[in-house]
Amino acid sequence: MNEFAACYPKSLNVLQVDNGLFHKAKRLQIPENIVLLFQPAHSPELNPIERVWEYLKQDLKWELFDNLEHLRTQVAQLLAELTPKIAASLTGYDFILNALSVANIF
């Protein structure tokens, strides 16, 4: 998390995380420019990354890869082609924006 925070030092970064114990560990140090937004337990459908994976799988599901490296290359290419507009449309859930607004963060 420190490395991520250092890459974007001038912005407030909201990371949505599940309720895994490792996200709540007492030793976990959260940088000042990161806010953790916890999703309800057992609710992967609320996690924006799941929609990103669904989007990526559209181009991958009928592909037969020779090896894992070929798959990695294809995923990297698809991620590189993901425009900010598409990413926002996939991950910009209203409930996240509302939670940030209520918390006076956004």
N, C-alpha and C. Protein backbone atom coordinates (compact mmCIF):
# COMPACT_ATOMS: atom_id res chain seq x y z
N MET A 1 0.82 -1.18 0.00
CA MET A 1 0.00 0.00 0.00
C MET A 1 0.87 1.26 0.00
N ASN A 2 2.00 1.18 0.66
CA ASN A 2 2.90 2.33 0.70
C ASN A 2 3.40 2.68 -0.70
N GLU A 3 3.71 1.66 -1.47
CA GLU A 3 4.19 1.89 -2.84
C GLU A 3 3.10 2.54 -3.69
N PHE A 4 1.88 2.06 -3.55
CA PHE A 4 0.75 2.64 -4.28
C PHE A 4 0.56 4.10 -3.86
N ALA A 5 0.57 4.35 -2.56
CA ALA A 5 0.40 5.72 -2.05
C ALA A 5 1.50 6.64 -2.56
N ALA A 6 2.71 6.12 -2.66
CA ALA A 6 3.83 6.93 -3.15
C ALA A 6 3.69 7.26 -4.63
N CYS A 7 3.04 6.39 -5.39
CA CYS A 7 2.84 6.65 -6.82
C CYS A 7 1.83 7.77 -7.06
N TYR A 8 0.92 7.95 -6.12
CA TYR A 8 -0.14 8.97 -6.26
C TYR A 8 -0.18 9.83 -5.00
N PRO A 9 0.90 10.54 -4.71
CA PRO A 9 1.01 11.26 -3.44
C PRO A 9 0.08 12.47 -3.30
N LYS A 10 -0.36 13.05 -4.40
CA LYS A 10 -1.16 14.27 -4.32
C LYS A 10 -2.66 14.02 -4.41
N SER A 11 -3.06 12.76 -4.43
CA SER A 11 -4.49 12.47 -4.54
C SER A 11 -4.94 11.62 -3.36
N LEU A 12 -6.23 11.70 -3.08
CA LEU A 12 -6.83 10.82 -2.10
C LEU A 12 -7.24 9.56 -2.85
N ASN A 13 -6.76 8.42 -2.42
CA ASN A 13 -6.98 7.17 -3.12
C ASN A 13 -7.90 6.27 -2.31
N VAL A 14 -9.02 5.92 -2.89
CA VAL A 14 -9.99 5.06 -2.22
C VAL A 14 -9.84 3.65 -2.77
N LEU A 15 -9.59 2.72 -1.88
CA LEU A 15 -9.45 1.32 -2.27
C LEU A 15 -10.60 0.54 -1.66
N GLN A 16 -11.39 -0.09 -2.51
CA GLN A 16 -12.47 -0.93 -2.00
C GLN A 16 -11.89 -2.30 -1.75
N VAL A 17 -12.12 -2.80 -0.55
CA VAL A 17 -11.58 -4.11 -0.17
C VAL A 17 -12.68 -4.96 0.43
N ASP A 18 -12.47 -6.28 0.39
CA ASP A 18 -13.44 -7.16 1.03
C ASP A 18 -13.17 -7.18 2.53
N ASN A 19 -13.87 -7.99 3.24
CA ASN A 19 -13.72 -8.03 4.70
C ASN A 19 -12.72 -9.08 5.15
N GLY A 20 -11.74 -9.37 4.32
CA GLY A 20 -10.69 -10.30 4.72
C GLY A 20 -9.96 -9.79 5.95
N LEU A 21 -9.61 -10.70 6.84
CA LEU A 21 -8.94 -10.30 8.08
C LEU A 21 -7.65 -9.55 7.82
N PHE A 22 -6.96 -9.87 6.72
CA PHE A 22 -5.70 -9.20 6.42
C PHE A 22 -5.90 -7.72 6.12
N HIS A 23 -7.12 -7.31 5.73
CA HIS A 23 -7.39 -5.90 5.48
C HIS A 23 -7.69 -5.14 6.77
N LYS A 24 -7.86 -5.88 7.86
CA LYS A 24 -8.21 -5.26 9.14
C LYS A 24 -7.15 -5.51 10.21
N ALA A 25 -6.04 -6.07 9.82
CA ALA A 25 -4.99 -6.40 10.78
C ALA A 25 -4.54 -5.15 11.53
N LYS A 26 -4.32 -5.31 12.81
CA LYS A 26 -3.91 -4.16 13.63
C LYS A 26 -2.55 -3.62 13.20
N ARG A 27 -1.72 -4.47 12.65
CA ARG A 27 -0.40 -4.02 12.21
C ARG A 27 -0.43 -3.35 10.85
N LEU A 28 -1.55 -3.41 10.18
CA LEU A 28 -1.68 -2.80 8.86
C LEU A 28 -1.60 -1.28 9.00
N GLN A 29 -0.65 -0.69 8.33
CA GLN A 29 -0.49 0.76 8.37
C GLN A 29 -1.02 1.33 7.05
N ILE A 30 -2.03 2.17 7.18
CA ILE A 30 -2.67 2.74 6.00
C ILE A 30 -2.13 4.16 5.81
N PRO A 31 -1.51 4.43 4.67
CA PRO A 31 -0.99 5.77 4.41
C PRO A 31 -2.11 6.82 4.46
N GLU A 32 -1.73 8.05 4.76
CA GLU A 32 -2.71 9.13 4.93
C GLU A 32 -3.52 9.41 3.67
N ASN A 33 -2.96 9.14 2.51
CA ASN A 33 -3.69 9.45 1.28
C ASN A 33 -4.47 8.25 0.74
N ILE A 34 -4.69 7.24 1.59
CA ILE A 34 -5.49 6.08 1.22
C ILE A 34 -6.63 5.90 2.21
N VAL A 35 -7.80 5.66 1.66
CA VAL A 35 -8.98 5.35 2.46
C VAL A 35 -9.47 3.98 2.03
N LEU A 36 -9.69 3.10 3.00
CA LEU A 36 -10.22 1.78 2.70
C LEU A 36 -11.73 1.81 2.82
N LEU A 37 -12.41 1.35 1.79
CA LEU A 37 -13.86 1.25 1.77
C LEU A 37 -14.19 -0.24 1.79
N PHE A 38 -14.74 -0.71 2.92
CA PHE A 38 -15.01 -2.14 3.08
C PHE A 38 -16.34 -2.51 2.48
N GLN A 39 -16.35 -3.56 1.68
CA GLN A 39 -17.60 -4.05 1.11
C GLN A 39 -18.19 -5.07 2.08
N PRO A 40 -19.50 -5.29 2.01
CA PRO A 40 -20.12 -6.29 2.89
C PRO A 40 -19.52 -7.68 2.67
N ALA A 41 -19.55 -8.48 3.71
CA ALA A 41 -19.02 -9.85 3.62
C ALA A 41 -19.79 -10.66 2.58
N HIS A 42 -19.09 -11.54 1.91
CA HIS A 42 -19.68 -12.47 0.93
C HIS A 42 -20.45 -11.74 -0.17
N SER A 43 -19.90 -10.65 -0.66
CA SER A 43 -20.57 -9.85 -1.70
C SER A 43 -19.63 -9.51 -2.85
N PRO A 44 -19.07 -10.50 -3.53
CA PRO A 44 -18.14 -10.19 -4.61
C PRO A 44 -18.77 -9.38 -5.73
N GLU A 45 -20.10 -9.47 -5.87
CA GLU A 45 -20.77 -8.71 -6.93
C GLU A 45 -20.70 -7.20 -6.70
N LEU A 46 -20.37 -6.79 -5.48
CA LEU A 46 -20.23 -5.37 -5.19
C LEU A 46 -18.82 -4.85 -5.43
N ASN A 47 -17.91 -5.74 -5.73
CA ASN A 47 -16.52 -5.36 -5.94
C ASN A 47 -16.32 -4.95 -7.39
N PRO A 48 -15.94 -3.70 -7.63
CA PRO A 48 -15.78 -3.22 -9.01
C PRO A 48 -14.83 -4.05 -9.86
N ILE A 49 -13.82 -4.66 -9.26
CA ILE A 49 -12.88 -5.43 -10.07
C ILE A 49 -13.56 -6.62 -10.73
N GLU A 50 -14.62 -7.12 -10.12
CA GLU A 50 -15.34 -8.25 -10.72
C GLU A 50 -15.92 -7.86 -12.07
N ARG A 51 -16.40 -6.62 -12.19
CA ARG A 51 -16.93 -6.15 -13.48
C ARG A 51 -15.81 -5.97 -14.49
N VAL A 52 -14.65 -5.56 -14.03
CA VAL A 52 -13.50 -5.43 -14.94
C VAL A 52 -13.13 -6.81 -15.48
N TRP A 53 -13.09 -7.82 -14.59
CA TRP A 53 -12.76 -9.18 -15.04
C TRP A 53 -13.78 -9.69 -16.04
N GLU A 54 -15.08 -9.42 -15.79
CA GLU A 54 -16.11 -9.84 -16.74
C GLU A 54 -15.89 -9.20 -18.10
N TYR A 55 -15.54 -7.93 -18.09
CA TYR A 55 -15.27 -7.20 -19.33
C TYR A 55 -14.09 -7.84 -20.07
N LEU A 56 -13.02 -8.15 -19.34
CA LEU A 56 -11.84 -8.74 -19.96
C LEU A 56 -12.13 -10.15 -20.49
N LYS A 57 -12.93 -10.89 -19.76
CA LYS A 57 -13.22 -12.27 -20.16
C LYS A 57 -13.99 -12.34 -21.47
N GLN A 58 -14.68 -11.28 -21.83
CA GLN A 58 -15.40 -11.28 -23.11
C GLN A 58 -14.45 -11.57 -24.27
N ASP A 59 -13.24 -11.04 -24.17
CA ASP A 59 -12.25 -11.26 -25.23
C ASP A 59 -11.40 -12.51 -25.02
N LEU A 60 -11.49 -13.09 -23.84
CA LEU A 60 -10.62 -14.23 -23.52
C LEU A 60 -11.33 -15.58 -23.53
N LYS A 61 -12.65 -15.59 -23.37
CA LYS A 61 -13.33 -16.85 -23.09
C LYS A 61 -13.26 -17.89 -24.21
N TRP A 62 -13.15 -17.50 -25.44
CA TRP A 62 -13.08 -18.49 -26.52
C TRP A 62 -11.65 -18.67 -27.04
N GLU A 63 -10.71 -18.04 -26.40
CA GLU A 63 -9.31 -18.11 -26.81
C GLU A 63 -8.64 -19.34 -26.19
N LEU A 64 -7.84 -20.01 -26.96
CA LEU A 64 -7.06 -21.14 -26.46
C LEU A 64 -5.61 -20.69 -26.39
N PHE A 65 -5.06 -20.68 -25.20
CA PHE A 65 -3.69 -20.19 -25.00
C PHE A 65 -2.71 -21.36 -24.93
N ASP A 66 -1.57 -21.17 -25.58
CA ASP A 66 -0.55 -22.21 -25.60
C ASP A 66 0.07 -22.43 -24.22
N ASN A 67 0.18 -21.33 -23.47
CA ASN A 67 0.80 -21.42 -22.15
C ASN A 67 0.36 -20.22 -21.30
N LEU A 68 0.77 -20.24 -20.06
CA LEU A 68 0.38 -19.19 -19.13
C LEU A 68 0.96 -17.83 -19.54
N GLU A 69 2.13 -17.83 -20.09
CA GLU A 69 2.75 -16.57 -20.52
C GLU A 69 1.94 -15.91 -21.63
N HIS A 70 1.42 -16.70 -22.54
CA HIS A 70 0.58 -16.17 -23.62
C HIS A 70 -0.69 -15.53 -23.03
N LEU A 71 -1.28 -16.18 -22.04
CA LEU A 71 -2.45 -15.62 -21.36
C LEU A 71 -2.10 -14.30 -20.68
N ARG A 72 -0.98 -14.29 -19.97
CA ARG A 72 -0.55 -13.06 -19.29
C ARG A 72 -0.35 -11.92 -20.29
N THR A 73 0.25 -12.22 -21.41
CA THR A 73 0.48 -11.20 -22.44
C THR A 73 -0.83 -10.64 -22.95
N GLN A 74 -1.79 -11.53 -23.20
CA GLN A 74 -3.09 -11.09 -23.70
C GLN A 74 -3.82 -10.23 -22.66
N VAL A 75 -3.79 -10.64 -21.40
CA VAL A 75 -4.44 -9.85 -20.34
C VAL A 75 -3.77 -8.49 -20.22
N ALA A 76 -2.45 -8.46 -20.28
CA ALA A 76 -1.73 -7.18 -20.20
C ALA A 76 -2.12 -6.26 -21.35
N GLN A 77 -2.27 -6.82 -22.54
CA GLN A 77 -2.66 -6.02 -23.70
C GLN A 77 -4.07 -5.46 -23.52
N LEU A 78 -4.99 -6.30 -23.05
CA LEU A 78 -6.36 -5.84 -22.83
C LEU A 78 -6.42 -4.74 -21.76
N LEU A 79 -5.62 -4.89 -20.72
CA LEU A 79 -5.58 -3.87 -19.67
C LEU A 79 -5.00 -2.56 -20.21
N ALA A 80 -4.00 -2.67 -21.07
CA ALA A 80 -3.39 -1.47 -21.66
C ALA A 80 -4.38 -0.73 -22.55
N GLU A 81 -5.30 -1.46 -23.15
CA GLU A 81 -6.30 -0.86 -24.04
C GLU A 81 -7.51 -0.31 -23.28
N LEU A 82 -7.58 -0.56 -22.01
CA LEU A 82 -8.71 -0.11 -21.19
C LEU A 82 -8.60 1.40 -20.98
N THR A 83 -9.52 2.13 -21.57
CA THR A 83 -9.47 3.59 -21.47
C THR A 83 -10.02 4.03 -20.12
N PRO A 84 -9.65 5.23 -19.68
CA PRO A 84 -10.21 5.75 -18.42
C PRO A 84 -11.74 5.80 -18.44
N LYS A 85 -12.32 6.11 -19.59
CA LYS A 85 -13.78 6.18 -19.69
C LYS A 85 -14.41 4.81 -19.47
N ILE A 86 -13.83 3.78 -20.08
CA ILE A 86 -14.36 2.42 -19.89
C ILE A 86 -14.16 1.97 -18.45
N ALA A 87 -12.98 2.23 -17.90
CA ALA A 87 -12.71 1.84 -16.51
C ALA A 87 -13.70 2.51 -15.56
N ALA A 88 -13.97 3.78 -15.78
CA ALA A 88 -14.93 4.50 -14.92
C ALA A 88 -16.33 3.92 -15.06
N SER A 89 -16.71 3.55 -16.27
CA SER A 89 -18.05 2.99 -16.46
C SER A 89 -18.19 1.63 -15.80
N LEU A 90 -17.10 0.90 -15.69
CA LEU A 90 -17.13 -0.42 -15.06
C LEU A 90 -17.04 -0.36 -13.55
N THR A 91 -16.37 0.64 -13.03
CA THR A 91 -16.07 0.67 -11.59
C THR A 91 -16.75 1.79 -10.82
N GLY A 92 -17.41 2.70 -11.50
CA GLY A 92 -18.01 3.86 -10.82
C GLY A 92 -19.37 3.58 -10.23
N TYR A 93 -19.42 2.69 -9.26
CA TYR A 93 -20.69 2.38 -8.60
C TYR A 93 -21.20 3.58 -7.81
N ASP A 94 -22.49 3.85 -7.91
CA ASP A 94 -23.08 4.95 -7.16
C ASP A 94 -22.92 4.77 -5.66
N PHE A 95 -23.04 3.53 -5.16
CA PHE A 95 -22.96 3.33 -3.71
C PHE A 95 -21.58 3.69 -3.17
N ILE A 96 -20.55 3.53 -3.99
CA ILE A 96 -19.21 3.92 -3.56
C ILE A 96 -19.12 5.43 -3.49
N LEU A 97 -19.58 6.09 -4.53
CA LEU A 97 -19.53 7.56 -4.54
C LEU A 97 -20.39 8.14 -3.43
N ASN A 98 -21.55 7.55 -3.17
CA ASN A 98 -22.41 8.02 -2.09
C ASN A 98 -21.75 7.83 -0.73
N ALA A 99 -21.10 6.69 -0.53
CA ALA A 99 -20.42 6.43 0.74
C ALA A 99 -19.31 7.44 0.97
N LEU A 100 -18.59 7.78 -0.07
CA LEU A 100 -17.52 8.76 0.06
C LEU A 100 -18.09 10.14 0.35
N SER A 101 -19.21 10.46 -0.27
CA SER A 101 -19.85 11.74 -0.04
C SER A 101 -20.35 11.86 1.40
N VAL A 102 -21.00 10.82 1.89
CA VAL A 102 -21.51 10.81 3.26
C VAL A 102 -20.37 10.93 4.26
N ALA A 103 -19.25 10.28 3.95
CA ALA A 103 -18.09 10.33 4.84
C ALA A 103 -17.31 11.62 4.70
N ASN A 104 -17.79 12.52 3.83
CA ASN A 104 -17.13 13.81 3.59
C ASN A 104 -15.73 13.64 3.01
N ILE A 105 -15.57 12.60 2.22
CA ILE A 105 -14.27 12.32 1.60
C ILE A 105 -14.24 12.78 0.16
N PHE A 106 -15.38 12.78 -0.50
CA PHE A 106 -15.43 13.05 -1.93
C PHE A 106 -16.34 14.22 -2.19
